[in-house]
Amino acid sequence: MADQDTAYVQALAGELSTTRPDLLDLAEDELRVLRTFKAAVARFIHNEAIALDIRQGLARDLNLPQPTR
């Protein structure tokens, strides 16, 4: 998004929030769900009670740093 014109992006955001304010609430709800999911995955990957190879495989599949212990 660094290559986008900031004024243009802000104008679009303002128009969207005026015409569809419900979309911001939906996006915030979705972001909340994704953050919760991300936290659960991080807890799983760092849970040493689960076999290391399973945790490493999940991290590898999700392109995340792999646990070492």
N, C-alpha and C. Protein backbone atom coordinates (compact mmCIF):
# COMPACT_ATOMS: atom_id res chain seq x y z
N MET A 1 0.81 -1.19 0.00
CA MET A 1 0.00 0.00 0.00
C MET A 1 0.86 1.26 0.00
N ALA A 2 2.17 1.08 0.13
CA ALA A 2 3.07 2.22 0.16
C ALA A 2 3.06 2.98 -1.16
N ASP A 3 2.69 2.32 -2.24
CA ASP A 3 2.68 2.98 -3.53
C ASP A 3 1.36 3.71 -3.81
N GLN A 4 0.42 3.69 -2.86
CA GLN A 4 -0.87 4.35 -3.04
C GLN A 4 -0.78 5.82 -2.63
N ASP A 5 -1.55 6.64 -3.30
CA ASP A 5 -1.66 8.05 -2.96
C ASP A 5 -2.47 8.16 -1.66
N THR A 6 -1.87 8.72 -0.63
CA THR A 6 -2.50 8.80 0.68
C THR A 6 -3.82 9.57 0.63
N ALA A 7 -3.86 10.66 -0.09
CA ALA A 7 -5.09 11.46 -0.18
C ALA A 7 -6.20 10.65 -0.85
N TYR A 8 -5.86 9.90 -1.86
CA TYR A 8 -6.84 9.06 -2.57
C TYR A 8 -7.39 7.98 -1.64
N VAL A 9 -6.49 7.33 -0.91
CA VAL A 9 -6.91 6.28 0.00
C VAL A 9 -7.80 6.85 1.10
N GLN A 10 -7.44 8.00 1.63
CA GLN A 10 -8.25 8.63 2.67
C GLN A 10 -9.62 9.04 2.13
N ALA A 11 -9.67 9.51 0.90
CA ALA A 11 -10.95 9.89 0.30
C ALA A 11 -11.84 8.67 0.13
N LEU A 12 -11.26 7.57 -0.33
CA LEU A 12 -12.04 6.34 -0.46
C LEU A 12 -12.53 5.84 0.88
N ALA A 13 -11.67 5.90 1.88
CA ALA A 13 -12.05 5.45 3.23
C ALA A 13 -13.18 6.32 3.77
N GLY A 14 -13.09 7.62 3.56
CA GLY A 14 -14.15 8.52 4.01
C GLY A 14 -15.46 8.25 3.31
N GLU A 15 -15.41 8.02 2.01
CA GLU A 15 -16.61 7.71 1.24
C GLU A 15 -17.23 6.40 1.71
N LEU A 16 -16.40 5.41 1.93
CA LEU A 16 -16.89 4.11 2.37
C LEU A 16 -17.52 4.20 3.75
N SER A 17 -16.87 4.94 4.66
CA SER A 17 -17.42 5.04 6.01
C SER A 17 -18.73 5.83 6.02
N THR A 18 -18.92 6.69 5.04
CA THR A 18 -20.17 7.45 4.93
C THR A 18 -21.27 6.60 4.31
N THR A 19 -20.93 5.86 3.27
CA THR A 19 -21.95 5.09 2.55
C THR A 19 -22.23 3.73 3.18
N ARG A 20 -21.23 3.12 3.81
CA ARG A 20 -21.40 1.78 4.40
C ARG A 20 -20.70 1.69 5.75
N PRO A 21 -21.19 2.42 6.76
CA PRO A 21 -20.52 2.38 8.06
C PRO A 21 -20.55 0.98 8.70
N ASP A 22 -21.47 0.14 8.27
CA ASP A 22 -21.55 -1.21 8.80
C ASP A 22 -20.34 -2.05 8.41
N LEU A 23 -19.69 -1.70 7.30
CA LEU A 23 -18.54 -2.48 6.84
C LEU A 23 -17.36 -2.35 7.79
N LEU A 24 -17.20 -1.19 8.41
CA LEU A 24 -16.13 -1.02 9.38
C LEU A 24 -16.34 -1.95 10.57
N ASP A 25 -17.57 -2.04 11.04
CA ASP A 25 -17.87 -2.96 12.15
C ASP A 25 -17.60 -4.40 11.75
N LEU A 26 -17.97 -4.77 10.54
CA LEU A 26 -17.71 -6.13 10.07
C LEU A 26 -16.22 -6.41 9.98
N ALA A 27 -15.47 -5.44 9.48
CA ALA A 27 -14.02 -5.61 9.36
C ALA A 27 -13.37 -5.72 10.74
N GLU A 28 -13.83 -4.92 11.69
CA GLU A 28 -13.28 -4.98 13.05
C GLU A 28 -13.60 -6.32 13.70
N ASP A 29 -14.80 -6.82 13.47
CA ASP A 29 -15.17 -8.15 14.01
C ASP A 29 -14.29 -9.24 13.41
N GLU A 30 -14.06 -9.17 12.12
CA GLU A 30 -13.23 -10.16 11.45
C GLU A 30 -11.79 -10.09 11.95
N LEU A 31 -11.30 -8.89 12.14
CA LEU A 31 -9.95 -8.70 12.67
C LEU A 31 -9.84 -9.28 14.08
N ARG A 32 -10.86 -9.10 14.89
CA ARG A 32 -10.88 -9.65 16.25
C ARG A 32 -10.80 -11.18 16.19
N VAL A 33 -11.55 -11.79 15.29
CA VAL A 33 -11.54 -13.25 15.13
C VAL A 33 -10.15 -13.72 14.69
N LEU A 34 -9.56 -13.04 13.74
CA LEU A 34 -8.24 -13.42 13.24
C LEU A 34 -7.17 -13.28 14.32
N ARG A 35 -7.26 -12.23 15.12
CA ARG A 35 -6.28 -12.06 16.21
C ARG A 35 -6.41 -13.18 17.24
N THR A 36 -7.65 -13.57 17.54
CA THR A 36 -7.88 -14.67 18.48
C THR A 36 -7.31 -15.97 17.92
N PHE A 37 -7.54 -16.22 16.64
CA PHE A 37 -7.02 -17.41 15.99
C PHE A 37 -5.49 -17.41 15.99
N LYS A 38 -4.91 -16.27 15.68
CA LYS A 38 -3.45 -16.15 15.67
C LYS A 38 -2.86 -16.44 17.04
N ALA A 39 -3.50 -15.94 18.09
CA ALA A 39 -3.02 -16.19 19.45
C ALA A 39 -3.11 -17.68 19.79
N ALA A 40 -4.18 -18.34 19.36
CA ALA A 40 -4.34 -19.77 19.63
C ALA A 40 -3.26 -20.58 18.90
N VAL A 41 -2.96 -20.21 17.68
CA VAL A 41 -1.93 -20.90 16.91
C VAL A 41 -0.57 -20.70 17.57
N ALA A 42 -0.28 -19.49 18.01
CA ALA A 42 0.99 -19.22 18.68
C ALA A 42 1.12 -20.04 19.96
N ARG A 43 0.03 -20.12 20.74
CA ARG A 43 0.07 -20.94 21.96
C ARG A 43 0.34 -22.40 21.62
N PHE A 44 -0.30 -22.91 20.57
CA PHE A 44 -0.10 -24.30 20.17
C PHE A 44 1.35 -24.54 19.76
N ILE A 45 1.88 -23.66 18.93
CA ILE A 45 3.24 -23.84 18.42
C ILE A 45 4.26 -23.80 19.55
N HIS A 46 4.01 -23.03 20.58
CA HIS A 46 4.97 -22.90 21.68
C HIS A 46 4.66 -23.82 22.86
N ASN A 47 3.66 -24.67 22.74
CA ASN A 47 3.29 -25.60 23.81
C ASN A 47 4.21 -26.82 23.77
N GLU A 48 5.13 -26.89 24.71
CA GLU A 48 6.12 -27.97 24.71
C GLU A 48 5.51 -29.32 25.08
N ALA A 49 4.26 -29.35 25.51
CA ALA A 49 3.60 -30.62 25.80
C ALA A 49 3.18 -31.34 24.51
N ILE A 50 3.22 -30.62 23.40
CA ILE A 50 2.88 -31.19 22.09
C ILE A 50 4.18 -31.54 21.38
N ALA A 51 4.20 -32.65 20.69
CA ALA A 51 5.41 -33.13 20.02
C ALA A 51 6.02 -32.04 19.14
N LEU A 52 7.34 -31.93 19.23
CA LEU A 52 8.07 -30.89 18.50
C LEU A 52 7.85 -30.99 16.99
N ASP A 53 7.88 -32.20 16.44
CA ASP A 53 7.73 -32.33 14.98
C ASP A 53 6.37 -31.85 14.50
N ILE A 54 5.34 -32.05 15.30
CA ILE A 54 4.00 -31.58 14.94
C ILE A 54 3.97 -30.05 14.94
N ARG A 55 4.53 -29.47 15.99
CA ARG A 55 4.54 -28.00 16.09
C ARG A 55 5.39 -27.39 14.98
N GLN A 56 6.53 -28.02 14.68
CA GLN A 56 7.38 -27.51 13.60
C GLN A 56 6.68 -27.61 12.25
N GLY A 57 5.99 -28.72 12.03
CA GLY A 57 5.26 -28.89 10.78
C GLY A 57 4.18 -27.83 10.59
N LEU A 58 3.43 -27.56 11.67
CA LEU A 58 2.40 -26.53 11.58
C LEU A 58 3.03 -25.17 11.29
N ALA A 59 4.08 -24.84 12.01
CA ALA A 59 4.75 -23.56 11.79
C ALA A 59 5.26 -23.46 10.36
N ARG A 60 5.86 -24.53 9.87
CA ARG A 60 6.37 -24.55 8.50
C ARG A 60 5.23 -24.35 7.49
N ASP A 61 4.11 -25.06 7.70
CA ASP A 61 2.97 -24.94 6.79
C ASP A 61 2.39 -23.53 6.77
N LEU A 62 2.48 -22.84 7.90
CA LEU A 62 1.93 -21.48 8.00
C LEU A 62 2.98 -20.40 7.76
N ASN A 63 4.19 -20.83 7.34
CA ASN A 63 5.29 -19.89 7.09
C ASN A 63 5.60 -19.04 8.31
N LEU A 64 5.62 -19.69 9.48
CA LEU A 64 5.96 -19.03 10.73
C LEU A 64 7.30 -19.56 11.23
N PRO A 65 7.95 -18.83 12.13
CA PRO A 65 9.19 -19.34 12.72
C PRO A 65 8.93 -20.66 13.43
N GLN A 66 9.80 -21.64 13.21
CA GLN A 66 9.61 -22.95 13.82
C GLN A 66 10.20 -23.00 15.21
N PRO A 67 9.51 -23.68 16.11
CA PRO A 67 10.07 -23.84 17.46
C PRO A 67 11.29 -24.74 17.42
N THR A 68 12.21 -24.54 18.35
CA THR A 68 13.43 -25.36 18.40
C THR A 68 13.43 -26.33 19.57
N ARG A 69 12.50 -26.16 20.47
CA ARG A 69 12.41 -27.09 21.60
C ARG A 69 10.98 -27.30 22.00
